[in-house]
PDB file of N, CA and C in Angstrom:
ATOM      1  N   MET A   1     -15.248 -21.539 -22.532  1.00  0.00           N
ATOM      2  CA  MET A   1     -16.672 -21.414 -22.801  1.00  0.00           C
ATOM      3  C   MET A   1     -16.932 -22.040 -24.168  1.00  0.00           C
ATOM      4  N   SER A   2     -17.954 -22.830 -24.367  1.00  0.00           N
ATOM      5  CA  SER A   2     -18.277 -23.495 -25.559  1.00  0.00           C
ATOM      6  C   SER A   2     -19.068 -22.518 -26.456  1.00  0.00           C
ATOM      7  N   THR A   3     -18.710 -22.552 -27.675  1.00  0.00           N
ATOM      8  CA  THR A   3     -19.404 -21.717 -28.682  1.00  0.00           C
ATOM      9  C   THR A   3     -20.312 -22.548 -29.543  1.00  0.00           C
ATOM     10  N   LEU A   4     -20.184 -23.886 -29.375  1.00  0.00           N
ATOM     11  CA  LEU A   4     -20.960 -24.824 -30.259  1.00  0.00           C
ATOM     12  C   LEU A   4     -21.443 -25.904 -29.275  1.00  0.00           C
ATOM     13  N   THR A   5     -22.654 -26.272 -29.596  1.00  0.00           N
ATOM     14  CA  THR A   5     -23.336 -27.384 -28.898  1.00  0.00           C
ATOM     15  C   THR A   5     -23.707 -28.456 -29.851  1.00  0.00           C
ATOM     16  N   LEU A   6     -23.295 -29.711 -29.574  1.00  0.00           N
ATOM     17  CA  LEU A   6     -23.708 -30.810 -30.423  1.00  0.00           C
ATOM     18  C   LEU A   6     -24.758 -31.565 -29.650  1.00  0.00           C
ATOM     19  N   TYR A   7     -25.811 -31.861 -30.350  1.00  0.00           N
ATOM     20  CA  TYR A   7     -26.862 -32.667 -29.775  1.00  0.00           C
ATOM     21  C   TYR A   7     -26.902 -33.963 -30.573  1.00  0.00           C
ATOM     22  N   GLY A   8     -26.927 -35.113 -29.842  1.00  0.00           N
ATOM     23  CA  GLY A   8     -26.907 -36.374 -30.442  1.00  0.00           C
ATOM     24  C   GLY A   8     -27.106 -37.487 -29.433  1.00  0.00           C
ATOM     25  N   LEU A   9     -26.520 -38.689 -29.828  1.00  0.00           N
ATOM     26  CA  LEU A   9     -26.537 -39.866 -28.936  1.00  0.00           C
ATOM     27  C   LEU A   9     -25.187 -40.167 -28.669  1.00  0.00           C
ATOM     28  N   THR A  10     -24.903 -40.504 -27.449  1.00  0.00           N
ATOM     29  CA  THR A  10     -23.526 -40.748 -26.901  1.00  0.00           C
ATOM     30  C   THR A  10     -22.829 -41.906 -27.772  1.00  0.00           C
ATOM     31  N   LYS A  11     -23.562 -42.999 -28.102  1.00  0.00           N
ATOM     32  CA  LYS A  11     -23.015 -44.061 -28.758  1.00  0.00           C
ATOM     33  C   LYS A  11     -23.101 -44.051 -30.235  1.00  0.00           C
ATOM     34  N   CYS A  12     -23.641 -42.966 -30.828  1.00  0.00           N
ATOM     35  CA  CYS A  12     -23.817 -42.780 -32.229  1.00  0.00           C
ATOM     36  C   CYS A  12     -22.411 -42.599 -32.866  1.00  0.00           C
ATOM     37  N   SER A  13     -22.085 -43.434 -33.886  1.00  0.00           N
ATOM     38  CA  SER A  13     -20.737 -43.363 -34.461  1.00  0.00           C
ATOM     39  C   SER A  13     -20.461 -42.039 -35.213  1.00  0.00           C
ATOM     40  N   THR A  14     -21.551 -41.494 -35.819  1.00  0.00           N
ATOM     41  CA  THR A  14     -21.397 -40.254 -36.490  1.00  0.00           C
ATOM     42  C   THR A  14     -21.123 -39.097 -35.480  1.00  0.00           C
ATOM     43  N   CYS A  15     -21.821 -39.151 -34.369  1.00  0.00           N
ATOM     44  CA  CYS A  15     -21.611 -38.139 -33.254  1.00  0.00           C
ATOM     45  C   CYS A  15     -20.106 -38.269 -32.757  1.00  0.00           C
ATOM     46  N   ILE A  16     -19.715 -39.527 -32.584  1.00  0.00           N
ATOM     47  CA  ILE A  16     -18.350 -39.670 -32.080  1.00  0.00           C
ATOM     48  C   ILE A  16     -17.318 -39.078 -33.084  1.00  0.00           C
ATOM     49  N   LYS A  17     -17.525 -39.410 -34.372  1.00  0.00           N
ATOM     50  CA  LYS A  17     -16.650 -38.844 -35.402  1.00  0.00           C
ATOM     51  C   LYS A  17     -16.574 -37.351 -35.422  1.00  0.00           C
ATOM     52  N   ALA A  18     -17.785 -36.699 -35.211  1.00  0.00           N
ATOM     53  CA  ALA A  18     -17.862 -35.204 -35.226  1.00  0.00           C
ATOM     54  C   ALA A  18     -17.156 -34.674 -33.984  1.00  0.00           C
ATOM     55  N   ARG A  19     -17.312 -35.279 -32.899  1.00  0.00           N
ATOM     56  CA  ARG A  19     -16.653 -34.814 -31.660  1.00  0.00           C
ATOM     57  C   ARG A  19     -15.234 -35.002 -31.722  1.00  0.00           C
ATOM     58  N   GLN A  20     -14.680 -36.074 -32.289  1.00  0.00           N
ATOM     59  CA  GLN A  20     -13.282 -36.282 -32.461  1.00  0.00           C
ATOM     60  C   GLN A  20     -12.678 -35.262 -33.463  1.00  0.00           C
ATOM     61  N   TRP A  21     -13.401 -35.012 -34.476  1.00  0.00           N
ATOM     62  CA  TRP A  21     -13.017 -33.891 -35.467  1.00  0.00           C
ATOM     63  C   TRP A  21     -12.905 -32.606 -34.815  1.00  0.00           C
ATOM     64  N   LEU A  22     -13.884 -32.234 -34.012  1.00  0.00           N
ATOM     65  CA  LEU A  22     -13.846 -31.010 -33.353  1.00  0.00           C
ATOM     66  C   LEU A  22     -12.711 -30.840 -32.324  1.00  0.00           C
ATOM     67  N   ASP A  23     -12.519 -31.980 -31.601  1.00  0.00           N
ATOM     68  CA  ASP A  23     -11.378 -31.979 -30.614  1.00  0.00           C
ATOM     69  C   ASP A  23     -10.005 -31.813 -31.366  1.00  0.00           C
ATOM     70  N   ALA A  24      -9.904 -32.595 -32.497  1.00  0.00           N
ATOM     71  CA  ALA A  24      -8.684 -32.569 -33.218  1.00  0.00           C
ATOM     72  C   ALA A  24      -8.302 -31.092 -33.842  1.00  0.00           C
ATOM     73  N   HIS A  25      -9.378 -30.325 -34.027  1.00  0.00           N
ATOM     74  CA  HIS A  25      -9.271 -29.069 -34.593  1.00  0.00           C
ATOM     75  C   HIS A  25      -9.351 -27.922 -33.607  1.00  0.00           C
ATOM     76  N   GLY A  26      -9.372 -28.295 -32.298  1.00  0.00           N
ATOM     77  CA  GLY A  26      -9.401 -27.393 -31.197  1.00  0.00           C
ATOM     78  C   GLY A  26     -10.640 -26.444 -31.154  1.00  0.00           C
ATOM     79  N   ILE A  27     -11.706 -27.037 -31.555  1.00  0.00           N
ATOM     80  CA  ILE A  27     -12.985 -26.274 -31.556  1.00  0.00           C
ATOM     81  C   ILE A  27     -13.811 -26.609 -30.287  1.00  0.00           C
ATOM     82  N   ALA A  28     -13.898 -25.658 -29.424  1.00  0.00           N
ATOM     83  CA  ALA A  28     -14.706 -25.841 -28.151  1.00  0.00           C
ATOM     84  C   ALA A  28     -16.108 -26.246 -28.394  1.00  0.00           C
ATOM     85  N   HIS A  29     -16.570 -27.167 -27.765  1.00  0.00           N
ATOM     86  CA  HIS A  29     -17.979 -27.597 -27.847  1.00  0.00           C
ATOM     87  C   HIS A  29     -18.476 -28.379 -26.685  1.00  0.00           C
ATOM     88  N   ALA A  30     -19.786 -28.348 -26.541  1.00  0.00           N
ATOM     89  CA  ALA A  30     -20.499 -29.141 -25.545  1.00  0.00           C
ATOM     90  C   ALA A  30     -21.250 -30.213 -26.247  1.00  0.00           C
ATOM     91  N   PHE A  31     -21.381 -31.361 -25.634  1.00  0.00           N
ATOM     92  CA  PHE A  31     -22.190 -32.413 -26.193  1.00  0.00           C
ATOM     93  C   PHE A  31     -23.386 -32.749 -25.231  1.00  0.00           C
ATOM     94  N   VAL A  32     -24.595 -32.839 -25.888  1.00  0.00           N
ATOM     95  CA  VAL A  32     -25.789 -33.188 -25.052  1.00  0.00           C
ATOM     96  C   VAL A  32     -26.405 -34.395 -25.768  1.00  0.00           C
ATOM     97  N   ASP A  33     -26.596 -35.395 -24.976  1.00  0.00           N
ATOM     98  CA  ASP A  33     -27.337 -36.664 -25.395  1.00  0.00           C
ATOM     99  C   ASP A  33     -28.804 -36.298 -25.320  1.00  0.00           C
ATOM    100  N   TYR A  34     -29.522 -36.323 -26.408  1.00  0.00           N
ATOM    101  CA  TYR A  34     -30.869 -35.888 -26.318  1.00  0.00           C
ATOM    102  C   TYR A  34     -31.819 -36.992 -25.864  1.00  0.00           C
ATOM    103  N   ARG A  35     -31.327 -38.138 -25.556  1.00  0.00           N
ATOM    104  CA  ARG A  35     -32.173 -39.147 -24.889  1.00  0.00           C
ATOM    105  C   ARG A  35     -32.236 -38.784 -23.411  1.00  0.00           C
ATOM    106  N   ASP A  36     -31.067 -38.304 -22.792  1.00  0.00           N
ATOM    107  CA  ASP A  36     -31.060 -37.846 -21.465  1.00  0.00           C
ATOM    108  C   ASP A  36     -31.612 -36.456 -21.176  1.00  0.00           C
ATOM    109  N   HIS A  37     -31.503 -35.702 -22.153  1.00  0.00           N
ATOM    110  CA  HIS A  37     -31.862 -34.235 -22.130  1.00  0.00           C
ATOM    111  C   HIS A  37     -32.642 -33.839 -23.362  1.00  0.00           C
ATOM    112  N   PRO A  38     -34.033 -34.121 -23.338  1.00  0.00           N
ATOM    113  CA  PRO A  38     -34.785 -33.922 -24.613  1.00  0.00           C
ATOM    114  C   PRO A  38     -34.586 -32.620 -25.151  1.00  0.00           C
ATOM    115  N   LEU A  39     -34.657 -32.499 -26.472  1.00  0.00           N
ATOM    116  CA  LEU A  39     -34.473 -31.150 -27.175  1.00  0.00           C
ATOM    117  C   LEU A  39     -35.646 -30.250 -26.912  1.00  0.00           C
ATOM    118  N   ASP A  40     -35.347 -29.007 -26.748  1.00  0.00           N
ATOM    119  CA  ASP A  40     -36.444 -28.012 -26.489  1.00  0.00           C
ATOM    120  C   ASP A  40     -37.171 -27.787 -27.777  1.00  0.00           C
ATOM    121  N   PRO A  41     -38.622 -27.778 -27.638  1.00  0.00           N
ATOM    122  CA  PRO A  41     -39.337 -27.611 -28.856  1.00  0.00           C
ATOM    123  C   PRO A  41     -39.066 -26.332 -29.686  1.00  0.00           C
ATOM    124  N   ALA A  42     -38.607 -25.250 -28.967  1.00  0.00           N
ATOM    125  CA  ALA A  42     -38.219 -24.027 -29.663  1.00  0.00           C
ATOM    126  C   ALA A  42     -36.940 -24.276 -30.525  1.00  0.00           C
ATOM    127  N   LEU A  43     -36.049 -25.044 -30.027  1.00  0.00           N
ATOM    128  CA  LEU A  43     -34.741 -25.363 -30.725  1.00  0.00           C
ATOM    129  C   LEU A  43     -35.143 -26.196 -31.946  1.00  0.00           C
ATOM    130  N   LEU A  44     -36.012 -27.162 -31.739  1.00  0.00           N
ATOM    131  CA  LEU A  44     -36.477 -27.990 -32.897  1.00  0.00           C
ATOM    132  C   LEU A  44     -37.220 -27.151 -33.971  1.00  0.00           C
ATOM    133  N   ARG A  45     -38.023 -26.281 -33.567  1.00  0.00           N
ATOM    134  CA  ARG A  45     -38.777 -25.385 -34.522  1.00  0.00           C
ATOM    135  C   ARG A  45     -37.730 -24.614 -35.358  1.00  0.00           C
ATOM    136  N   ASP A  46     -36.796 -23.937 -34.646  1.00  0.00           N
ATOM    137  CA  ASP A  46     -35.768 -23.130 -35.281  1.00  0.00           C
ATOM    138  C   ASP A  46     -34.827 -23.925 -36.224  1.00  0.00           C
ATOM    139  N   ALA A  47     -34.516 -25.055 -35.781  1.00  0.00           N
ATOM    140  CA  ALA A  47     -33.663 -26.008 -36.607  1.00  0.00           C
ATOM    141  C   ALA A  47     -34.391 -26.364 -37.840  1.00  0.00           C
ATOM    142  N   ALA A  48     -35.673 -26.767 -37.743  1.00  0.00           N
ATOM    143  CA  ALA A  48     -36.406 -27.111 -38.856  1.00  0.00           C
ATOM    144  C   ALA A  48     -36.534 -26.062 -39.850  1.00  0.00           C
ATOM    145  N   ALA A  49     -36.779 -24.758 -39.321  1.00  0.00           N
ATOM    146  CA  ALA A  49     -36.946 -23.659 -40.219  1.00  0.00           C
ATOM    147  C   ALA A  49     -35.632 -23.355 -40.900  1.00  0.00           C
ATOM    148  N   GLN A  50     -34.575 -23.381 -40.246  1.00  0.00           N
ATOM    149  CA  GLN A  50     -33.183 -23.132 -40.837  1.00  0.00           C
ATOM    150  C   GLN A  50     -32.817 -24.134 -41.891  1.00  0.00           C
ATOM    151  N   LEU A  51     -33.169 -25.423 -41.619  1.00  0.00           N
ATOM    152  CA  LEU A  51     -32.773 -26.446 -42.535  1.00  0.00           C
ATOM    153  C   LEU A  51     -33.663 -26.643 -43.772  1.00  0.00           C
ATOM    154  N   GLY A  52     -34.852 -25.989 -43.700  1.00  0.00           N
ATOM    155  CA  GLY A  52     -35.786 -26.035 -44.808  1.00  0.00           C
ATOM    156  C   GLY A  52     -36.933 -27.071 -44.585  1.00  0.00           C
ATOM    157  N   GLY A  53     -37.279 -27.255 -43.358  1.00  0.00           N
ATOM    158  CA  GLY A  53     -38.348 -28.133 -43.080  1.00  0.00           C
ATOM    159  C   GLY A  53     -38.115 -29.312 -42.157  1.00  0.00           C
ATOM    160  N   TRP A  54     -39.146 -29.857 -41.616  1.00  0.00           N
ATOM    161  CA  TRP A  54     -39.074 -31.013 -40.669  1.00  0.00           C
ATOM    162  C   TRP A  54     -38.421 -32.191 -41.332  1.00  0.00           C
ATOM    163  N   GLU A  55     -38.712 -32.338 -42.608  1.00  0.00           N
ATOM    164  CA  GLU A  55     -38.139 -33.424 -43.325  1.00  0.00           C
ATOM    165  C   GLU A  55     -36.520 -33.412 -43.434  1.00  0.00           C
ATOM    166  N   LYS A  56     -36.028 -32.284 -43.360  1.00  0.00           N
ATOM    167  CA  LYS A  56     -34.552 -32.075 -43.382  1.00  0.00           C
ATOM    168  C   LYS A  56     -33.962 -32.396 -41.972  1.00  0.00           C
ATOM    169  N   LEU A  57     -34.748 -32.155 -40.961  1.00  0.00           N
ATOM    170  CA  LEU A  57     -34.333 -32.375 -39.515  1.00  0.00           C
ATOM    171  C   LEU A  57     -34.425 -33.838 -39.140  1.00  0.00           C
ATOM    172  N   VAL A  58     -35.383 -34.554 -39.665  1.00  0.00           N
ATOM    173  CA  VAL A  58     -35.712 -35.919 -39.197  1.00  0.00           C
ATOM    174  C   VAL A  58     -34.927 -36.912 -40.282  1.00  0.00           C
ATOM    175  N   ASN A  59     -34.354 -38.016 -39.790  1.00  0.00           N
ATOM    176  CA  ASN A  59     -33.698 -38.881 -40.590  1.00  0.00           C
ATOM    177  C   ASN A  59     -34.734 -39.889 -41.017  1.00  0.00           C
ATOM    178  N   ARG A  60     -35.171 -39.687 -42.273  1.00  0.00           N
ATOM    179  CA  ARG A  60     -36.251 -40.615 -42.788  1.00  0.00           C
ATOM    180  C   ARG A  60     -35.653 -41.928 -43.413  1.00  0.00           C
ATOM    181  N   ALA A  61     -34.392 -42.032 -43.372  1.00  0.00           N
ATOM    182  CA  ALA A  61     -33.782 -43.234 -43.810  1.00  0.00           C
ATOM    183  C   ALA A  61     -33.431 -44.228 -42.645  1.00  0.00           C
ATOM    184  N   SER A  62     -33.698 -43.764 -41.450  1.00  0.00           N
ATOM    185  CA  SER A  62     -33.264 -44.594 -40.296  1.00  0.00           C
ATOM    186  C   SER A  62     -34.245 -45.744 -40.078  1.00  0.00           C
ATOM    187  N   MET A  63     -33.764 -46.729 -39.308  1.00  0.00           N
ATOM    188  CA  MET A  63     -34.599 -47.890 -38.924  1.00  0.00           C
ATOM    189  C   MET A  63     -35.717 -47.340 -38.042  1.00  0.00           C
ATOM    190  N   THR A  64     -35.440 -46.384 -37.173  1.00  0.00           N
ATOM    191  CA  THR A  64     -36.503 -45.809 -36.359  1.00  0.00           C
ATOM    192  C   THR A  64     -37.648 -45.315 -37.169  1.00  0.00           C
ATOM    193  N   TRP A  65     -37.407 -44.597 -38.228  1.00  0.00           N
ATOM    194  CA  TRP A  65     -38.403 -44.022 -39.128  1.00  0.00           C
ATOM    195  C   TRP A  65     -39.087 -45.182 -39.899  1.00  0.00           C
ATOM    196  N   ARG A  66     -38.293 -46.156 -40.308  1.00  0.00           N
ATOM    197  CA  ARG A  66     -38.930 -47.250 -41.073  1.00  0.00           C
ATOM    198  C   ARG A  66     -39.874 -48.123 -40.197  1.00  0.00           C
ATOM    199  N   ASN A  67     -39.558 -48.087 -38.936  1.00  0.00           N
ATOM    200  CA  ASN A  67     -40.357 -48.967 -38.096  1.00  0.00           C
ATOM    201  C   ASN A  67     -41.661 -48.237 -37.587  1.00  0.00           C
ATOM    202  N   LEU A  68     -41.872 -47.031 -37.958  1.00  0.00           N
ATOM    203  CA  LEU A  68     -43.060 -46.301 -37.557  1.00  0.00           C
ATOM    204  C   LEU A  68     -44.206 -46.867 -38.453  1.00  0.00           C
ATOM    205  N   SER A  69     -45.458 -46.649 -37.926  1.00  0.00           N
ATOM    206  CA  SER A  69     -46.602 -47.088 -38.735  1.00  0.00           C
ATOM    207  C   SER A  69     -46.776 -45.971 -39.774  1.00  0.00           C
ATOM    208  N   ASP A  70     -47.535 -46.361 -40.798  1.00  0.00           N
ATOM    209  CA  ASP A  70     -47.867 -45.467 -41.929  1.00  0.00           C
ATOM    210  C   ASP A  70     -48.477 -44.144 -41.313  1.00  0.00           C
ATOM    211  N   ALA A  71     -49.304 -44.362 -40.417  1.00  0.00           N
ATOM    212  CA  ALA A  71     -50.063 -43.174 -39.815  1.00  0.00           C
ATOM    213  C   ALA A  71     -49.042 -42.314 -39.147  1.00  0.00           C
ATOM    214  N   GLN A  72     -48.066 -42.777 -38.419  1.00  0.00           N
ATOM    215  CA  GLN A  72     -47.022 -41.990 -37.763  1.00  0.00           C
ATOM    216  C   GLN A  72     -46.197 -41.266 -38.750  1.00  0.00           C
ATOM    217  N   ARG A  73     -45.850 -41.964 -39.856  1.00  0.00           N
ATOM    218  CA  ARG A  73     -44.997 -41.358 -40.921  1.00  0.00           C
ATOM    219  C   ARG A  73     -45.795 -40.275 -41.699  1.00  0.00           C
ATOM    220  N   ALA A  74     -47.057 -40.211 -41.616  1.00  0.00           N
ATOM    221  CA  ALA A  74     -47.888 -39.290 -42.408  1.00  0.00           C
ATOM    222  C   ALA A  74     -48.052 -37.978 -41.666  1.00  0.00           C
ATOM    223  N   VAL A  75     -47.254 -37.718 -40.619  1.00  0.00           N
ATOM    224  CA  VAL A  75     -47.202 -36.485 -39.841  1.00  0.00           C
ATOM    225  C   VAL A  75     -47.113 -35.232 -40.852  1.00  0.00           C
ATOM    226  N   SER A  76     -47.925 -34.215 -40.594  1.00  0.00           N
ATOM    227  CA  SER A  76     -47.935 -33.078 -41.507  1.00  0.00           C
ATOM    228  C   SER A  76     -47.831 -31.745 -40.908  1.00  0.00           C
ATOM    229  N   ASP A  77     -47.956 -31.684 -39.603  1.00  0.00           N
ATOM    230  CA  ASP A  77     -47.969 -30.384 -38.956  1.00  0.00           C
ATOM    231  C   ASP A  77     -46.792 -30.350 -37.808  1.00  0.00           C
ATOM    232  N   GLU A  78     -46.590 -29.130 -37.341  1.00  0.00           N
ATOM    233  CA  GLU A  78     -45.581 -28.877 -36.406  1.00  0.00           C
ATOM    234  C   GLU A  78     -45.844 -29.720 -35.157  1.00  0.00           C
ATOM    235  N   ALA A  79     -47.053 -29.687 -34.661  1.00  0.00           N
ATOM    236  CA  ALA A  79     -47.388 -30.288 -33.392  1.00  0.00           C
ATOM    237  C   ALA A  79     -47.156 -31.892 -33.525  1.00  0.00           C
ATOM    238  N   GLY A  80     -47.507 -32.396 -34.727  1.00  0.00           N
ATOM    239  CA  GLY A  80     -47.220 -33.814 -34.986  1.00  0.00           C
ATOM    240  C   GLY A  80     -45.752 -34.156 -34.964  1.00  0.00           C
ATOM    241  N   TRP A  81     -44.945 -33.269 -35.665  1.00  0.00           N
ATOM    242  CA  TRP A  81     -43.475 -33.517 -35.675  1.00  0.00           C
ATOM    243  C   TRP A  81     -42.866 -33.495 -34.206  1.00  0.00           C
ATOM    244  N   LEU A  82     -43.291 -32.497 -33.485  1.00  0.00           N
ATOM    245  CA  LEU A  82     -42.847 -32.348 -32.127  1.00  0.00           C
ATOM    246  C   LEU A  82     -43.173 -33.612 -31.323  1.00  0.00           C
ATOM    247  N   ALA A  83     -44.435 -34.051 -31.408  1.00  0.00           N
ATOM    248  CA  ALA A  83     -44.791 -35.209 -30.603  1.00  0.00           C
ATOM    249  C   ALA A  83     -43.989 -36.554 -31.077  1.00  0.00           C
ATOM    250  N   LEU A  84     -43.832 -36.555 -32.371  1.00  0.00           N
ATOM    251  CA  LEU A  84     -43.141 -37.751 -32.967  1.00  0.00           C
ATOM    252  C   LEU A  84     -41.633 -37.797 -32.363  1.00  0.00           C
ATOM    253  N   ILE A  85     -40.971 -36.559 -32.411  1.00  0.00           N
ATOM    254  CA  ILE A  85     -39.615 -36.417 -31.971  1.00  0.00           C
ATOM    255  C   ILE A  85     -39.587 -36.692 -30.409  1.00  0.00           C
ATOM    256  N   GLU A  86     -40.532 -36.251 -29.664  1.00  0.00           N
ATOM    257  CA  GLU A  86     -40.543 -36.450 -28.229  1.00  0.00           C
ATOM    258  C   GLU A  86     -40.639 -37.960 -27.908  1.00  0.00           C
ATOM    259  N   ALA A  87     -41.531 -38.653 -28.746  1.00  0.00           N
ATOM    260  CA  ALA A  87     -41.656 -40.073 -28.531  1.00  0.00           C
ATOM    261  C   ALA A  87     -40.386 -40.905 -29.005  1.00  0.00           C
ATOM    262  N   TYR A  88     -39.825 -40.454 -30.134  1.00  0.00           N
ATOM    263  CA  TYR A  88     -38.675 -41.093 -30.766  1.00  0.00           C
ATOM    264  C   TYR A  88     -37.550 -40.160 -31.102  1.00  0.00           C
ATOM    265  N   PRO A  89     -36.821 -39.727 -30.032  1.00  0.00           N
ATOM    266  CA  PRO A  89     -35.769 -38.776 -30.161  1.00  0.00           C
ATOM    267  C   PRO A  89     -34.623 -39.232 -31.185  1.00  0.00           C
ATOM    268  N   ALA A  90     -34.506 -40.481 -31.401  1.00  0.00           N
ATOM    269  CA  ALA A  90     -33.509 -40.899 -32.403  1.00  0.00           C
ATOM    270  C   ALA A  90     -33.837 -40.557 -33.823  1.00  0.00           C
ATOM    271  N   LEU A  91     -35.025 -40.034 -33.994  1.00  0.00           N
ATOM    272  CA  LEU A  91     -35.416 -39.621 -35.434  1.00  0.00           C
ATOM    273  C   LEU A  91     -34.573 -38.302 -35.846  1.00  0.00           C
ATOM    274  N   VAL A  92     -34.094 -37.575 -34.908  1.00  0.00           N
ATOM    275  CA  VAL A  92     -33.374 -36.328 -35.293  1.00  0.00           C
ATOM    276  C   VAL A  92     -32.065 -36.703 -35.913  1.00  0.00           C
ATOM    277  N   ARG A  93     -31.797 -36.130 -37.066  1.00  0.00           N
ATOM    278  CA  ARG A  93     -30.493 -36.313 -37.706  1.00  0.00           C
ATOM    279  C   ARG A  93     -29.395 -35.961 -36.795  1.00  0.00           C
ATOM    280  N   ARG A  94     -28.277 -36.726 -36.745  1.00  0.00           N
ATOM    281  CA  ARG A  94     -27.319 -36.369 -35.826  1.00  0.00           C
ATOM    282  C   ARG A  94     -25.875 -36.394 -36.461  1.00  0.00           C
ATOM    283  N   PRO A  95     -25.097 -35.553 -35.831  1.00  0.00           N
ATOM    284  CA  PRO A  95     -25.361 -34.707 -34.645  1.00  0.00           C
ATOM    285  C   PRO A  95     -26.101 -33.428 -35.243  1.00  0.00           C
ATOM    286  N   LEU A  96     -26.843 -32.791 -34.338  1.00  0.00           N
ATOM    287  CA  LEU A  96     -27.421 -31.495 -34.597  1.00  0.00           C
ATOM    288  C   LEU A  96     -26.447 -30.532 -33.996  1.00  0.00           C
ATOM    289  N   ALA A  97     -25.834 -29.681 -34.833  1.00  0.00           N
ATOM    290  CA  ALA A  97     -24.819 -28.715 -34.281  1.00  0.00           C
ATOM    291  C   ALA A  97     -25.469 -27.416 -34.257  1.00  0.00           C
ATOM    292  N   VAL A  98     -25.356 -26.709 -33.024  1.00  0.00           N
ATOM    293  CA  VAL A  98     -25.911 -25.350 -32.850  1.00  0.00           C
ATOM    294  C   VAL A  98     -24.753 -24.473 -32.406  1.00  0.00           C
ATOM    295  N   ALA A  99     -24.431 -23.430 -33.241  1.00  0.00           N
ATOM    296  CA  ALA A  99     -23.463 -22.430 -32.952  1.00  0.00           C
ATOM    297  C   ALA A  99     -24.016 -21.386 -31.958  1.00  0.00           C
ATOM    298  N   ALA A 100     -23.141 -20.682 -31.377  1.00  0.00           N
ATOM    299  CA  ALA A 100     -23.459 -19.604 -30.488  1.00  0.00           C
ATOM    300  C   ALA A 100     -24.377 -18.617 -31.019  1.00  0.00           C
ATOM    301  N   ASP A 101     -24.288 -18.363 -32.321  1.00  0.00           N
ATOM    302  CA  ASP A 101     -25.213 -17.460 -33.074  1.00  0.00           C
ATOM    303  C   ASP A 101     -26.506 -18.039 -33.430  1.00  0.00           C
ATOM    304  N   GLY A 102     -26.745 -19.313 -33.120  1.00  0.00           N
ATOM    305  CA  GLY A 102     -27.984 -19.976 -33.423  1.00  0.00           C
ATOM    306  C   GLY A 102     -27.913 -20.744 -34.756  1.00  0.00           C
ATOM    307  N   GLU A 103     -26.928 -20.638 -35.529  1.00  0.00           N
ATOM    308  CA  GLU A 103     -26.880 -21.325 -36.833  1.00  0.00           C
ATOM    309  C   GLU A 103     -26.817 -22.851 -36.518  1.00  0.00           C
ATOM    310  N   VAL A 104     -27.621 -23.552 -37.269  1.00  0.00           N
ATOM    311  CA  VAL A 104     -27.696 -24.985 -37.115  1.00  0.00           C
ATOM    312  C   VAL A 104     -27.267 -25.777 -38.317  1.00  0.00           C
ATOM    313  N   GLY A 105     -26.792 -26.956 -38.073  1.00  0.00           N
ATOM    314  CA  GLY A 105     -26.389 -27.903 -39.114  1.00  0.00           C
ATOM    315  C   GLY A 105     -26.707 -29.311 -38.613  1.00  0.00           C
ATOM    316  N   VAL A 106     -26.822 -30.211 -39.545  1.00  0.00           N
ATOM    317  CA  VAL A 106     -27.092 -31.634 -39.134  1.00  0.00           C
ATOM    318  C   VAL A 106     -26.086 -32.532 -39.939  1.00  0.00           C
ATOM    319  N   GLY A 107     -25.838 -33.642 -39.249  1.00  0.00           N
ATOM    320  CA  GLY A 107     -24.915 -34.643 -39.854  1.00  0.00           C
ATOM    321  C   GLY A 107     -23.406 -34.250 -39.773  1.00  0.00           C
ATOM    322  N   PHE A 108     -22.622 -35.193 -40.195  1.00  0.00           N
ATOM    323  CA  PHE A 108     -21.190 -34.864 -40.136  1.00  0.00           C
ATOM    324  C   PHE A 108     -20.488 -35.346 -41.422  1.00  0.00           C
ATOM    325  N   SER A 109     -19.635 -34.489 -41.927  1.00  0.00           N
ATOM    326  CA  SER A 109     -18.694 -34.964 -42.882  1.00  0.00           C
ATOM    327  C   SER A 109     -17.393 -34.034 -42.766  1.00  0.00           C
ATOM    328  N   GLU A 110     -16.243 -34.583 -42.945  1.00  0.00           N
ATOM    329  CA  GLU A 110     -15.053 -33.717 -42.795  1.00  0.00           C
ATOM    330  C   GLU A 110     -15.125 -32.481 -43.666  1.00  0.00           C
ATOM    331  N   LYS A 111     -15.520 -32.654 -44.922  1.00  0.00           N
ATOM    332  CA  LYS A 111     -15.597 -31.553 -45.848  1.00  0.00           C
ATOM    333  C   LYS A 111     -16.589 -30.481 -45.320  1.00  0.00           C
ATOM    334  N   ALA A 112     -17.806 -30.887 -44.879  1.00  0.00           N
ATOM    335  CA  ALA A 112     -18.676 -29.907 -44.404  1.00  0.00           C
ATOM    336  C   ALA A 112     -18.283 -29.191 -43.092  1.00  0.00           C
ATOM    337  N   TYR A 113     -17.664 -29.902 -42.329  1.00  0.00           N
ATOM    338  CA  TYR A 113     -17.170 -29.309 -40.995  1.00  0.00           C
ATOM    339  C   TYR A 113     -15.985 -28.407 -41.310  1.00  0.00           C
ATOM    340  N   THR A 114     -15.069 -28.795 -42.249  1.00  0.00           N
ATOM    341  CA  THR A 114     -13.938 -27.971 -42.570  1.00  0.00           C
ATOM    342  C   THR A 114     -14.458 -26.639 -43.179  1.00  0.00           C
ATOM    343  N   LYS A 115     -15.473 -26.748 -43.975  1.00  0.00           N
ATOM    344  CA  LYS A 115     -16.051 -25.464 -44.652  1.00  0.00           C
ATOM    345  C   LYS A 115     -16.698 -24.602 -43.553  1.00  0.00           C
ATOM    346  N   ARG A 116     -17.525 -25.256 -42.750  1.00  0.00           N
ATOM    347  CA  ARG A 116     -18.353 -24.566 -41.705  1.00  0.00           C
ATOM    348  C   ARG A 116     -17.484 -23.889 -40.651  1.00  0.00           C
ATOM    349  N   PHE A 117     -16.434 -24.571 -40.219  1.00  0.00           N
ATOM    350  CA  PHE A 117     -15.630 -24.030 -39.096  1.00  0.00           C
ATOM    351  C   PHE A 117     -14.302 -23.530 -39.511  1.00  0.00           C
ATOM    352  N   ASP A 118     -14.071 -23.363 -40.880  1.00  0.00           N
ATOM    353  CA  ASP A 118     -12.920 -22.809 -41.353  1.00  0.00           C
ATOM    354  C   ASP A 118     -11.647 -23.395 -40.848  1.00  0.00           C
ATOM    355  N   ALA A 119     -11.665 -24.757 -40.728  1.00  0.00           N
ATOM    356  CA  ALA A 119     -10.424 -25.494 -40.252  1.00  0.00           C
ATOM    357  C   ALA A 119      -9.783 -26.142 -41.440  1.00  0.00           C
ATOM    358  N   ALA A 120      -8.553 -26.352 -41.337  1.00  0.00           N
ATOM    359  CA  ALA A 120      -7.868 -27.091 -42.398  1.00  0.00           C
ATOM    360  C   ALA A 120      -7.246 -28.348 -41.843  1.00  0.00           C
TER     361      ALA A 120
END
């Protein structure tokens, strides 16, 4: 039974590294490609709240973000963020890791994963 779910894109190099790290450390997880299975708005709301805002959940350095119009990037409310992510799922920082207890994290680094998952 998986205690961790990673949401991301199948061909994303960061998602691949995170999955390989979890496998190498024997940490059970499931992977969901959010282009094939869009993220639930409730999950997105919770993740944004835990991370400190929508700006922490969305990768504003990505080409996807930079290719948006100024009006699209001026989003300021929850409904706007949800609509933007629905239209452009690649905006979500990846991978989005959700533990069984609901704790979320974004991105991957060996140091952060070692700290979070108590692996050595």
